[in-house]
Amino acid sequence: MTNIVAAASEFEIELTRERLSDARAALKRQGKRVAGRVPFC
């Protein structure tokens, strides 16, 4: 039972990682900030 839960958790983590990378790529294509410190202006 523990192996099934661990596998499901790993699958969810992988989906989240892919979703975040897709979102970062979309922001980069739009020319928006992707990460880092916000400039003080």
PDB file of N, CA and C in Angstrom:
ATOM      1  N   MET A   1       0.829  -1.198   0.000  1.00  0.00           N
ATOM      2  CA  MET A   1       0.000   0.000   0.000  1.00  0.00           C
ATOM      3  C   MET A   1       0.875   1.264   0.000  1.00  0.00           C
ATOM      4  N   THR A   2       1.947   1.221   0.752  1.00  0.00           N
ATOM      5  CA  THR A   2       2.842   2.380   0.822  1.00  0.00           C
ATOM      6  C   THR A   2       3.470   2.654  -0.532  1.00  0.00           C
ATOM      7  N   ASN A   3       3.804   1.603  -1.265  1.00  0.00           N
ATOM      8  CA  ASN A   3       4.401   1.791  -2.586  1.00  0.00           C
ATOM      9  C   ASN A   3       3.439   2.472  -3.546  1.00  0.00           C
ATOM     10  N   ILE A   4       2.169   2.151  -3.453  1.00  0.00           N
ATOM     11  CA  ILE A   4       1.168   2.768  -4.326  1.00  0.00           C
ATOM     12  C   ILE A   4       1.050   4.257  -4.023  1.00  0.00           C
ATOM     13  N   VAL A   5       1.005   4.608  -2.748  1.00  0.00           N
ATOM     14  CA  VAL A   5       0.913   6.008  -2.353  1.00  0.00           C
ATOM     15  C   VAL A   5       2.172   6.763  -2.772  1.00  0.00           C
ATOM     16  N   ALA A   6       3.329   6.150  -2.594  1.00  0.00           N
ATOM     17  CA  ALA A   6       4.588   6.790  -2.987  1.00  0.00           C
ATOM     18  C   ALA A   6       4.642   7.012  -4.494  1.00  0.00           C
ATOM     19  N   ALA A   7       4.178   6.050  -5.261  1.00  0.00           N
ATOM     20  CA  ALA A   7       4.180   6.192  -6.719  1.00  0.00           C
ATOM     21  C   ALA A   7       3.233   7.310  -7.151  1.00  0.00           C
ATOM     22  N   ALA A   8       2.067   7.394  -6.520  1.00  0.00           N
ATOM     23  CA  ALA A   8       1.116   8.458  -6.852  1.00  0.00           C
ATOM     24  C   ALA A   8       1.693   9.823  -6.501  1.00  0.00           C
ATOM     25  N   SER A   9       2.362   9.900  -5.378  1.00  0.00           N
ATOM     26  CA  SER A   9       2.976  11.156  -4.953  1.00  0.00           C
ATOM     27  C   SER A   9       4.074  11.582  -5.923  1.00  0.00           C
ATOM     28  N   GLU A  10       4.892  10.641  -6.334  1.00  0.00           N
ATOM     29  CA  GLU A  10       5.961  10.941  -7.292  1.00  0.00           C
ATOM     30  C   GLU A  10       5.377  11.419  -8.620  1.00  0.00           C
ATOM     31  N   PHE A  11       4.288  10.800  -9.051  1.00  0.00           N
ATOM     32  CA  PHE A  11       3.621  11.194 -10.286  1.00  0.00           C
ATOM     33  C   PHE A  11       3.103  12.629 -10.182  1.00  0.00           C
ATOM     34  N   GLU A  12       2.486  12.979  -9.047  1.00  0.00           N
ATOM     35  CA  GLU A  12       1.968  14.327  -8.856  1.00  0.00           C
ATOM     36  C   GLU A  12       3.098  15.361  -8.840  1.00  0.00           C
ATOM     37  N   ILE A  13       4.204  15.021  -8.210  1.00  0.00           N
ATOM     38  CA  ILE A  13       5.342  15.934  -8.169  1.00  0.00           C
ATOM     39  C   ILE A  13       5.876  16.175  -9.579  1.00  0.00           C
ATOM     40  N   GLU A  14       5.953  15.121 -10.369  1.00  0.00           N
ATOM     41  CA  GLU A  14       6.429  15.255 -11.745  1.00  0.00           C
ATOM     42  C   GLU A  14       5.484  16.127 -12.575  1.00  0.00           C
ATOM     43  N   LEU A  15       4.171  15.959 -12.400  1.00  0.00           N
ATOM     44  CA  LEU A  15       3.208  16.794 -13.117  1.00  0.00           C
ATOM     45  C   LEU A  15       3.352  18.260 -12.723  1.00  0.00           C
ATOM     46  N   THR A  16       3.528  18.513 -11.436  1.00  0.00           N
ATOM     47  CA  THR A  16       3.703  19.885 -10.962  1.00  0.00           C
ATOM     48  C   THR A  16       4.964  20.495 -11.541  1.00  0.00           C
ATOM     49  N   ARG A  17       6.047  19.726 -11.580  1.00  0.00           N
ATOM     50  CA  ARG A  17       7.315  20.215 -12.135  1.00  0.00           C
ATOM     51  C   ARG A  17       7.151  20.576 -13.612  1.00  0.00           C
ATOM     52  N   GLU A  18       6.455  19.725 -14.366  1.00  0.00           N
ATOM     53  CA  GLU A  18       6.226  20.005 -15.792  1.00  0.00           C
ATOM     54  C   GLU A  18       5.362  21.248 -15.977  1.00  0.00           C
ATOM     55  N   ARG A  19       4.320  21.380 -15.154  1.00  0.00           N
ATOM     56  CA  ARG A  19       3.424  22.527 -15.250  1.00  0.00           C
ATOM     57  C   ARG A  19       4.179  23.826 -14.973  1.00  0.00           C
ATOM     58  N   LEU A  20       5.035  23.815 -13.958  1.00  0.00           N
ATOM     59  CA  LEU A  20       5.807  25.013 -13.636  1.00  0.00           C
ATOM     60  C   LEU A  20       6.789  25.368 -14.745  1.00  0.00           C
ATOM     61  N   SER A  21       7.436  24.365 -15.327  1.00  0.00           N
ATOM     62  CA  SER A  21       8.380  24.657 -16.406  1.00  0.00           C
ATOM     63  C   SER A  21       7.658  25.191 -17.638  1.00  0.00           C
ATOM     64  N   ASP A  22       6.462  24.675 -17.916  1.00  0.00           N
ATOM     65  CA  ASP A  22       5.679  25.202 -19.031  1.00  0.00           C
ATOM     66  C   ASP A  22       5.268  26.650 -18.782  1.00  0.00           C
ATOM     67  N   ALA A  23       4.890  26.957 -17.545  1.00  0.00           N
ATOM     68  CA  ALA A  23       4.494  28.324 -17.210  1.00  0.00           C
ATOM     69  C   ALA A  23       5.686  29.269 -17.336  1.00  0.00           C
ATOM     70  N   ARG A  24       6.863  28.837 -16.877  1.00  0.00           N
ATOM     71  CA  ARG A  24       8.062  29.671 -17.006  1.00  0.00           C
ATOM     72  C   ARG A  24       8.404  29.907 -18.469  1.00  0.00           C
ATOM     73  N   ALA A  25       8.274  28.879 -19.288  1.00  0.00           N
ATOM     74  CA  ALA A  25       8.573  29.032 -20.713  1.00  0.00           C
ATOM     75  C   ALA A  25       7.593  30.005 -21.362  1.00  0.00           C
ATOM     76  N   ALA A  26       6.322  29.944 -20.983  1.00  0.00           N
ATOM     77  CA  ALA A  26       5.329  30.861 -21.549  1.00  0.00           C
ATOM     78  C   ALA A  26       5.635  32.298 -21.142  1.00  0.00           C
ATOM     79  N   LEU A  27       6.013  32.516 -19.890  1.00  0.00           N
ATOM     80  CA  LEU A  27       6.366  33.868 -19.452  1.00  0.00           C
ATOM     81  C   LEU A  27       7.597  34.374 -20.203  1.00  0.00           C
ATOM     82  N   LYS A  28       8.552  33.495 -20.424  1.00  0.00           N
ATOM     83  CA  LYS A  28       9.773  33.886 -21.132  1.00  0.00           C
ATOM     84  C   LYS A  28       9.452  34.268 -22.576  1.00  0.00           C
ATOM     85  N   ARG A  29       8.553  33.519 -23.211  1.00  0.00           N
ATOM     86  CA  ARG A  29       8.150  33.848 -24.592  1.00  0.00           C
ATOM     87  C   ARG A  29       7.467  35.210 -24.655  1.00  0.00           C
ATOM     88  N   GLN A  30       6.718  35.545 -23.604  1.00  0.00           N
ATOM     89  CA  GLN A  30       6.002  36.819 -23.578  1.00  0.00           C
ATOM     90  C   GLN A  30       6.908  37.981 -23.178  1.00  0.00           C
ATOM     91  N   GLY A  31       8.143  37.669 -22.805  1.00  0.00           N
ATOM     92  CA  GLY A  31       9.081  38.710 -22.428  1.00  0.00           C
ATOM     93  C   GLY A  31       8.904  39.192 -21.002  1.00  0.00           C
ATOM     94  N   LYS A  32       8.215  38.431 -20.178  1.00  0.00           N
ATOM     95  CA  LYS A  32       7.996  38.823 -18.787  1.00  0.00           C
ATOM     96  C   LYS A  32       9.067  38.210 -17.901  1.00  0.00           C
ATOM     97  N   ARG A  33       9.129  38.692 -16.677  1.00  0.00           N
ATOM     98  CA  ARG A  33      10.104  38.195 -15.714  1.00  0.00           C
ATOM     99  C   ARG A  33       9.811  36.740 -15.389  1.00  0.00           C
ATOM    100  N   VAL A  34      10.846  35.941 -15.294  1.00  0.00           N
ATOM    101  CA  VAL A  34      10.680  34.518 -15.006  1.00  0.00           C
ATOM    102  C   VAL A  34      11.012  34.227 -13.550  1.00  0.00           C
ATOM    103  N   ALA A  35      12.115  34.753 -13.058  1.00  0.00           N
ATOM    104  CA  ALA A  35      12.531  34.487 -11.688  1.00  0.00           C
ATOM    105  C   ALA A  35      13.511  35.560 -11.251  1.00  0.00           C
ATOM    106  N   GLY A  36      13.901  35.490 -10.020  1.00  0.00           N
ATOM    107  CA  GLY A  36      14.882  36.424  -9.503  1.00  0.00           C
ATOM    108  C   GLY A  36      14.247  37.514  -8.677  1.00  0.00           C
ATOM    109  N   ARG A  37      15.080  38.442  -8.276  1.00  0.00           N
ATOM    110  CA  ARG A  37      14.616  39.542  -7.433  1.00  0.00           C
ATOM    111  C   ARG A  37      13.849  40.558  -8.264  1.00  0.00           C
ATOM    112  N   VAL A  38      12.852  41.158  -7.656  1.00  0.00           N
ATOM    113  CA  VAL A  38      12.076  42.206  -8.309  1.00  0.00           C
ATOM    114  C   VAL A  38      12.895  43.486  -8.257  1.00  0.00           C
ATOM    115  N   PRO A  39      13.051  44.188  -9.382  1.00  0.00           N
ATOM    116  CA  PRO A  39      13.859  45.403  -9.375  1.00  0.00           C
ATOM    117  C   PRO A  39      13.196  46.496  -8.532  1.00  0.00           C
ATOM    118  N   PHE A  40      13.999  47.283  -7.869  1.00  0.00           N
ATOM    119  CA  PHE A  40      13.500  48.377  -7.031  1.00  0.00           C
ATOM    120  C   PHE A  40      13.374  49.628  -7.888  1.00  0.00           C
ATOM    121  N   CYS A  41      12.158  49.929  -8.308  1.00  0.00           N
ATOM    122  CA  CYS A  41      11.915  51.115  -9.141  1.00  0.00           C
ATOM    123  C   CYS A  41      10.689  51.834  -8.686  1.00  0.00           C
TER     124      CYS A  41
END
